[in-house]
Amino acid sequence: MKLSVLTVPLQGMAAEEAFSYLSKLGVEQVEIGTGGYTNENHLKPSVYLNDQAKIDAFKAMMERLNLGISALSCHGNPVHPNKELAEGYHNVFVDTCRLAQKLGVDTIVTFSGCPGDCAESKRPNWVTCAWPNDYGEILDWQWNEVLIPYWKKAAEIAESYGVKKIAFELHPGFCVYNPMTLLRLREAVGDIIGANFDPSHLIWQGIDPVAALRELKGAVYHFHAKDTRIDKYNTAVNGVLDTRSFENMNDRSWVFRTIGYGSDTMLWKDMISTLRQIGYDGAVSIEHEDGLMSPREGLEKAVTFLKDILIFEQPGTMWWS
């Protein structure tokens, strides 16, 4: 496994300064944002796509710092009911695929997106229940008329640029948010579709991340190391569906935390061991979104935590067997 970092929290630093800092921490790979919801400050497609000299200089910098690229991230909603917004997110996805080809990267991290409830909608409509029957009708339209057709075409575009893995972050608010929905879209589109497994989005839904990893064997294409802290008192009163601002940390049912500050060490060791059991040997990429820590402190604590629990080497012979 490789220790990686999504570099967005360091967006205020120039790319070389940020990457040099991470390299000195012992980070082996970086996950780089290229637009959409994900800040592109470290790798703007508009700057690099039409300038091979800049691409060559970027590659040379990465080699000099002994860093690889685990994925390019372009989180967005390319099936947004606002056609102008959808086109913008789609274009970012295509440009990210083009950039991946130039940099020799085969994995793109993004969201599945979420349409509205009909062709005339203005905003996304995330369905969370089966009744009244209107919701089932919305889901049928979203999946069969919008989501599956879009991603079949998008997958062809990605493949044309040498992208082998489109890793959807399982995220509430979008059509793919748990193992079942990920596998449904994968079955419809093909094996190019897989998961960017972020346990923080599953924990607050009540999903056991270890069980989810086992269910997704063969379909985990990238991994985000981010934690969630459940407030048992707030959750006991209002449940886990919380629409309050992330800044309202005292009253929310759950908040994102640096790894080790939400779940205990044993759960993280179990997740890392399960990744090995299901055959995943790729990046474990730290995503810092902790409202109680600065980016540097959060990242450094996460790096220290992961260095102790990641499995870096292949297992030896079972001499005791």
Protein backbone atom coordinates (compact mmCIF):
# COMPACT_ATOMS: atom_id res chain seq x y z
CA MET A 1 0.00 0.00 0.00
CA LYS A 2 1.08 3.57 -0.63
CA LEU A 3 0.64 6.53 1.72
CA SER A 4 -1.03 9.35 -0.21
CA VAL A 5 -2.55 12.77 0.50
CA LEU A 6 -5.28 14.72 -1.28
CA THR A 7 -3.44 18.02 -1.60
CA VAL A 8 -6.47 20.36 -1.50
CA PRO A 9 -5.93 21.41 2.18
CA LEU A 10 -2.58 22.87 1.07
CA GLN A 11 -4.12 24.88 -1.78
CA GLY A 12 -2.68 28.11 -0.38
CA MET A 13 0.82 26.81 -1.09
CA ALA A 14 2.39 26.53 -4.54
CA ALA A 15 2.48 22.97 -5.87
CA GLU A 16 6.22 22.43 -5.43
CA GLU A 17 6.19 23.86 -1.90
CA ALA A 18 3.21 21.70 -0.89
CA PHE A 19 4.55 18.55 -2.50
CA SER A 20 8.02 19.06 -1.03
CA TYR A 21 6.47 19.42 2.42
CA LEU A 22 4.51 16.17 1.97
CA SER A 23 7.53 14.32 0.64
CA LYS A 24 9.54 15.29 3.72
CA LEU A 25 6.73 13.85 5.88
CA GLY A 26 7.24 10.48 4.19
CA VAL A 27 4.21 10.67 1.86
CA GLU A 28 4.70 8.47 -1.21
CA GLN A 29 1.92 9.67 -3.52
CA VAL A 30 -0.39 12.63 -3.96
CA GLU A 31 -3.99 12.85 -5.12
CA ILE A 32 -4.43 16.10 -7.03
CA GLY A 33 -7.59 18.11 -7.63
CA THR A 34 -8.37 19.21 -11.18
CA GLY A 35 -11.61 21.14 -10.76
CA GLY A 36 -15.30 20.71 -10.08
CA TYR A 37 -15.89 20.72 -6.34
CA THR A 38 -12.19 19.92 -5.87
CA ASN A 39 -9.75 22.83 -5.85
CA GLU A 40 -7.44 22.83 -8.89
CA ASN A 41 -4.72 25.18 -7.62
CA HIS A 42 -1.98 22.56 -7.88
CA LEU A 43 -2.83 21.30 -11.37
CA LYS A 44 -5.05 23.50 -13.53
CA PRO A 45 -6.08 21.64 -16.70
CA SER A 46 -6.47 24.96 -18.53
CA VAL A 47 -2.78 25.69 -17.90
CA TYR A 48 -1.25 22.26 -18.47
CA LEU A 49 -3.30 20.68 -21.26
CA ASN A 50 -1.96 22.93 -23.98
CA ASP A 51 1.63 23.26 -22.77
CA GLN A 52 3.76 20.13 -23.01
CA ALA A 53 6.71 21.96 -21.46
CA LYS A 54 4.68 22.49 -18.29
CA ILE A 55 3.68 18.81 -18.27
CA ASP A 56 7.33 17.80 -18.60
CA ALA A 57 8.35 20.18 -15.81
CA PHE A 58 5.59 18.84 -13.57
CA LYS A 59 6.74 15.25 -14.16
CA ALA A 60 10.33 16.24 -13.43
CA MET A 61 9.27 17.89 -10.17
CA MET A 62 7.39 14.76 -9.08
CA GLU A 63 10.38 12.57 -9.89
CA ARG A 64 12.73 14.92 -8.05
CA LEU A 65 10.49 14.77 -4.96
CA ASN A 66 10.09 10.99 -5.29
CA LEU A 67 6.29 11.27 -5.45
CA GLY A 68 3.78 9.37 -7.52
CA ILE A 69 0.22 10.40 -8.38
CA SER A 70 -2.43 8.10 -6.92
CA ALA A 71 -5.34 9.75 -8.75
CA LEU A 72 -6.68 12.94 -10.25
CA SER A 73 -9.84 14.17 -8.52
CA CYS A 74 -12.62 16.08 -10.24
CA HIS A 75 -15.59 15.68 -7.92
CA GLY A 76 -18.68 17.15 -9.56
CA ASN A 77 -22.25 16.57 -10.68
CA PRO A 78 -22.22 16.02 -14.47
CA VAL A 79 -25.88 14.96 -14.40
CA HIS A 80 -27.04 18.13 -12.64
CA PRO A 81 -30.50 19.19 -13.86
CA ASN A 82 -29.09 22.65 -14.62
CA LYS A 83 -27.68 21.92 -18.09
CA GLU A 84 -25.07 24.65 -17.89
CA LEU A 85 -23.72 23.34 -14.58
CA ALA A 86 -23.83 19.75 -15.86
CA GLU A 87 -21.86 20.69 -18.95
CA GLY A 88 -19.26 22.44 -16.82
CA TYR A 89 -18.73 19.39 -14.60
CA HIS A 90 -18.67 17.13 -17.67
CA ASN A 91 -16.00 19.27 -19.30
CA VAL A 92 -13.89 19.12 -16.14
CA PHE A 93 -14.21 15.32 -16.21
CA VAL A 94 -13.10 15.15 -19.85
CA ASP A 95 -10.19 17.54 -19.27
CA THR A 96 -9.16 15.47 -16.25
CA CYS A 97 -9.10 12.33 -18.40
CA ARG A 98 -6.99 14.14 -20.99
CA LEU A 99 -4.61 15.33 -18.29
CA ALA A 100 -4.43 11.83 -16.81
CA GLN A 101 -3.24 10.50 -20.15
CA LYS A 102 -0.49 13.09 -20.37
CA LEU A 103 0.67 12.33 -16.82
CA GLY A 104 0.38 8.55 -17.05
CA VAL A 105 -2.38 8.33 -14.41
CA ASP A 106 -5.04 5.64 -14.78
CA THR A 107 -7.45 6.53 -11.93
CA ILE A 108 -10.00 9.35 -11.75
CA VAL A 109 -11.87 10.09 -8.50
CA THR A 110 -15.27 11.75 -8.75
CA PHE A 111 -18.96 11.55 -7.77
CA SER A 112 -21.71 9.74 -9.63
CA GLY A 113 -23.79 12.91 -9.54
CA CYS A 114 -27.50 13.27 -8.89
CA PRO A 115 -30.18 14.43 -11.37
CA GLY A 116 -33.43 16.17 -10.53
CA ASP A 117 -36.78 14.39 -10.41
CA CYS A 118 -37.72 15.03 -14.06
CA ALA A 119 -36.46 16.71 -17.21
CA GLU A 120 -37.79 20.10 -16.06
CA SER A 121 -36.05 20.08 -12.66
CA LYS A 122 -33.77 22.89 -11.55
CA ARG A 123 -31.99 21.22 -8.61
CA PRO A 124 -30.82 17.68 -7.70
CA ASN A 125 -33.23 15.40 -5.86
CA TRP A 126 -31.60 12.77 -3.63
CA VAL A 127 -34.16 10.07 -2.82
CA THR A 128 -33.84 8.48 0.63
CA CYS A 129 -37.07 6.50 1.06
CA ALA A 130 -39.31 4.10 -0.84
CA TRP A 131 -42.72 5.61 -0.08
CA PRO A 132 -44.79 7.45 -1.24
CA ASN A 133 -44.48 5.80 -4.64
CA ASP A 134 -43.41 9.08 -6.25
CA TYR A 135 -39.90 8.41 -4.95
CA GLY A 136 -39.63 5.05 -6.67
CA GLU A 137 -40.70 6.69 -9.92
CA ILE A 138 -38.04 9.38 -9.45
CA LEU A 139 -35.35 6.74 -8.90
CA ASP A 140 -36.41 4.81 -11.99
CA TRP A 141 -36.16 7.96 -14.12
CA GLN A 142 -32.87 9.08 -12.58
CA TRP A 143 -31.12 5.76 -13.11
CA ASN A 144 -32.53 4.55 -16.41
CA GLU A 145 -32.99 7.82 -18.26
CA VAL A 146 -30.05 9.86 -16.96
CA LEU A 147 -27.40 8.22 -14.77
CA ILE A 148 -26.71 4.96 -16.61
CA PRO A 149 -26.80 6.49 -20.13
CA TYR A 150 -24.49 9.32 -19.06
CA TRP A 151 -21.87 7.11 -17.45
CA LYS A 152 -21.86 4.65 -20.34
CA LYS A 153 -20.82 7.50 -22.62
CA ALA A 154 -18.45 9.01 -20.04
CA ALA A 155 -16.76 5.63 -19.55
CA GLU A 156 -16.09 5.44 -23.29
CA ILE A 157 -14.51 8.89 -23.17
CA ALA A 158 -12.36 7.91 -20.19
CA GLU A 159 -11.20 4.71 -21.87
CA SER A 160 -10.25 6.64 -25.02
CA TYR A 161 -7.73 8.57 -22.90
CA GLY A 162 -6.31 5.49 -21.20
CA VAL A 163 -8.22 5.84 -17.92
CA LYS A 164 -8.81 2.38 -16.48
CA LYS A 165 -10.57 3.25 -13.22
CA ILE A 166 -13.36 5.73 -12.47
CA ALA A 167 -13.53 5.67 -8.68
CA PHE A 168 -16.82 7.01 -7.34
CA GLU A 169 -16.74 8.38 -3.83
CA LEU A 170 -19.69 6.84 -2.00
CA HIS A 171 -21.32 10.05 -0.83
CA PRO A 172 -24.87 10.82 0.35
CA GLY A 173 -26.53 13.44 -1.82
CA PHE A 174 -25.50 11.55 -4.95
CA CYS A 175 -27.02 8.45 -6.55
CA VAL A 176 -24.01 6.31 -5.63
CA TYR A 177 -23.67 6.51 -1.85
CA ASN A 178 -23.29 2.92 -0.57
CA PRO A 179 -22.05 -0.48 -1.81
CA MET A 180 -25.43 -1.45 -3.30
CA THR A 181 -25.71 1.65 -5.48
CA LEU A 182 -22.06 1.45 -6.53
CA LEU A 183 -22.43 -2.17 -7.62
CA ARG A 184 -25.66 -1.36 -9.45
CA LEU A 185 -23.96 1.27 -11.59
CA ARG A 186 -20.88 -0.92 -12.08
CA GLU A 187 -23.06 -3.76 -13.35
CA ALA A 188 -24.80 -1.42 -15.79
CA VAL A 189 -21.69 0.36 -17.10
CA GLY A 190 -18.80 -2.06 -16.65
CA ASP A 191 -15.70 -2.76 -14.60
CA ILE A 192 -14.21 0.65 -15.29
CA ILE A 193 -16.55 1.78 -12.50
CA GLY A 194 -15.34 1.20 -8.94
CA ALA A 195 -15.27 2.83 -5.52
CA ASN A 196 -13.22 5.56 -3.97
CA PHE A 197 -13.84 4.10 -0.53
CA ASP A 198 -14.17 6.85 2.06
CA PRO A 199 -15.25 5.35 5.40
CA SER A 200 -16.20 8.75 6.81
CA HIS A 201 -19.30 8.90 4.59
CA LEU A 202 -20.32 5.37 5.50
CA ILE A 203 -19.80 5.50 9.26
CA TRP A 204 -22.44 8.19 9.81
CA GLN A 205 -24.93 6.24 7.69
CA GLY A 206 -24.58 3.32 10.11
CA ILE A 207 -22.58 1.21 7.65
CA ASP A 208 -19.79 -1.01 8.96
CA PRO A 209 -16.83 -0.05 6.74
CA VAL A 210 -15.20 -3.47 7.12
CA ALA A 211 -18.36 -5.24 5.97
CA ALA A 212 -18.67 -2.74 3.10
CA LEU A 213 -15.10 -3.40 1.99
CA ARG A 214 -15.76 -7.13 1.92
CA GLU A 215 -18.88 -6.54 -0.19
CA LEU A 216 -16.86 -4.45 -2.64
CA LYS A 217 -14.04 -6.97 -3.19
CA GLY A 218 -12.56 -6.33 -6.61
CA ALA A 219 -14.32 -2.98 -6.96
CA VAL A 220 -12.23 -0.76 -4.63
CA TYR A 221 -10.09 1.47 -6.86
CA HIS A 222 -8.95 4.16 -4.39
CA PHE A 223 -9.23 4.79 -0.65
CA HIS A 224 -9.72 8.01 1.33
CA ALA A 225 -8.41 8.06 4.88
CA LYS A 226 -10.92 10.28 6.66
CA ASP A 227 -12.81 9.73 9.89
CA THR A 228 -16.20 10.65 11.35
CA ARG A 229 -17.12 11.26 14.96
CA ILE A 230 -20.70 10.39 15.90
CA ASP A 231 -22.18 12.51 18.70
CA LYS A 232 -24.28 9.90 20.45
CA TYR A 233 -26.39 12.46 22.32
CA ASN A 234 -27.29 14.60 19.31
CA THR A 235 -27.88 11.47 17.24
CA ALA A 236 -30.11 10.01 19.94
CA VAL A 237 -32.35 13.06 19.62
CA ASN A 238 -32.34 13.77 15.87
CA GLY A 239 -30.83 10.77 14.09
CA VAL A 240 -28.03 10.84 11.53
CA LEU A 241 -29.64 12.85 8.71
CA ASP A 242 -28.24 16.24 9.67
CA THR A 243 -28.59 19.33 7.47
CA ARG A 244 -26.99 21.81 9.87
CA SER A 245 -23.82 23.65 8.88
CA PHE A 246 -20.53 21.82 9.37
CA GLU A 247 -19.45 24.86 11.37
CA ASN A 248 -22.08 23.99 14.00
CA MET A 249 -19.89 21.24 15.45
CA ASN A 250 -21.47 21.23 18.90
CA ASP A 251 -25.00 20.48 17.73
CA ARG A 252 -24.47 18.24 14.71
CA SER A 253 -25.13 14.50 14.91
CA TRP A 254 -21.72 13.83 13.35
CA VAL A 255 -18.64 15.69 12.14
CA PHE A 256 -15.61 14.78 10.05
CA ARG A 257 -12.39 14.24 11.99
CA THR A 258 -8.76 13.42 11.35
CA ILE A 259 -8.31 9.66 11.41
CA GLY A 260 -8.06 8.28 14.91
CA TYR A 261 -10.20 11.09 16.33
CA GLY A 262 -13.49 9.59 15.21
CA SER A 263 -13.05 5.82 15.31
CA ASP A 264 -10.66 3.78 17.41
CA THR A 265 -7.36 2.42 16.16
CA MET A 266 -8.69 -1.14 15.98
CA LEU A 267 -11.31 -0.21 13.38
CA TRP A 268 -8.65 1.41 11.22
CA LYS A 269 -6.38 -1.62 11.57
CA ASP A 270 -9.32 -3.84 10.60
CA MET A 271 -9.98 -1.71 7.51
CA ILE A 272 -6.34 -1.81 6.43
CA SER A 273 -6.20 -5.57 6.97
CA THR A 274 -9.44 -6.03 5.03
CA LEU A 275 -8.03 -4.02 2.14
CA ARG A 276 -5.18 -6.55 2.01
CA GLN A 277 -7.64 -9.45 2.25
CA ILE A 278 -9.72 -8.23 -0.70
CA GLY A 279 -6.62 -7.72 -2.84
CA TYR A 280 -6.31 -3.93 -2.68
CA ASP A 281 -2.72 -2.71 -2.66
CA GLY A 282 -3.12 0.86 -3.87
CA ALA A 283 -3.19 4.30 -2.31
CA VAL A 284 -4.51 5.16 1.13
CA SER A 285 -5.05 8.86 0.59
CA ILE A 286 -5.52 11.22 3.53
CA GLU A 287 -8.36 13.70 3.09
CA HIS A 288 -8.25 16.39 5.77
CA GLU A 289 -11.64 17.92 6.64
CA ASP A 290 -11.36 18.37 10.40
CA GLY A 291 -12.88 21.59 11.76
CA LEU A 292 -10.88 21.34 14.98
CA MET A 293 -7.40 21.13 13.42
CA SER A 294 -5.35 23.16 10.99
CA PRO A 295 -4.47 21.43 7.71
CA ARG A 296 -0.85 20.95 8.74
CA GLU A 297 -1.65 19.51 12.16
CA GLY A 298 -4.42 17.30 10.81
CA LEU A 299 -2.29 15.99 7.96
CA GLU A 300 0.75 15.38 10.14
CA LYS A 301 -1.26 13.50 12.76
CA ALA A 302 -2.86 11.40 10.02
CA VAL A 303 0.50 10.63 8.40
CA THR A 304 1.94 9.53 11.75
CA PHE A 305 -1.16 7.41 12.45
CA LEU A 306 -1.10 5.68 9.07
CA LYS A 307 2.64 5.00 9.06
CA ASP A 308 2.04 2.81 12.08
CA ILE A 309 -0.87 0.79 10.71
CA LEU A 310 -0.45 0.59 6.92
CA ILE A 311 0.78 -2.70 5.51
CA PHE A 312 3.59 -1.75 3.13
CA GLU A 313 5.19 -5.10 2.35
CA GLN A 314 3.86 -8.27 0.77
CA PRO A 315 3.25 -11.13 3.23
CA GLY A 316 5.91 -13.78 3.58
CA THR A 317 5.60 -17.55 3.54
CA MET A 318 3.33 -18.96 6.23
CA TRP A 319 6.02 -21.09 7.82
CA TRP A 320 3.67 -22.03 10.64
CA SER A 321 1.08 -23.53 8.28
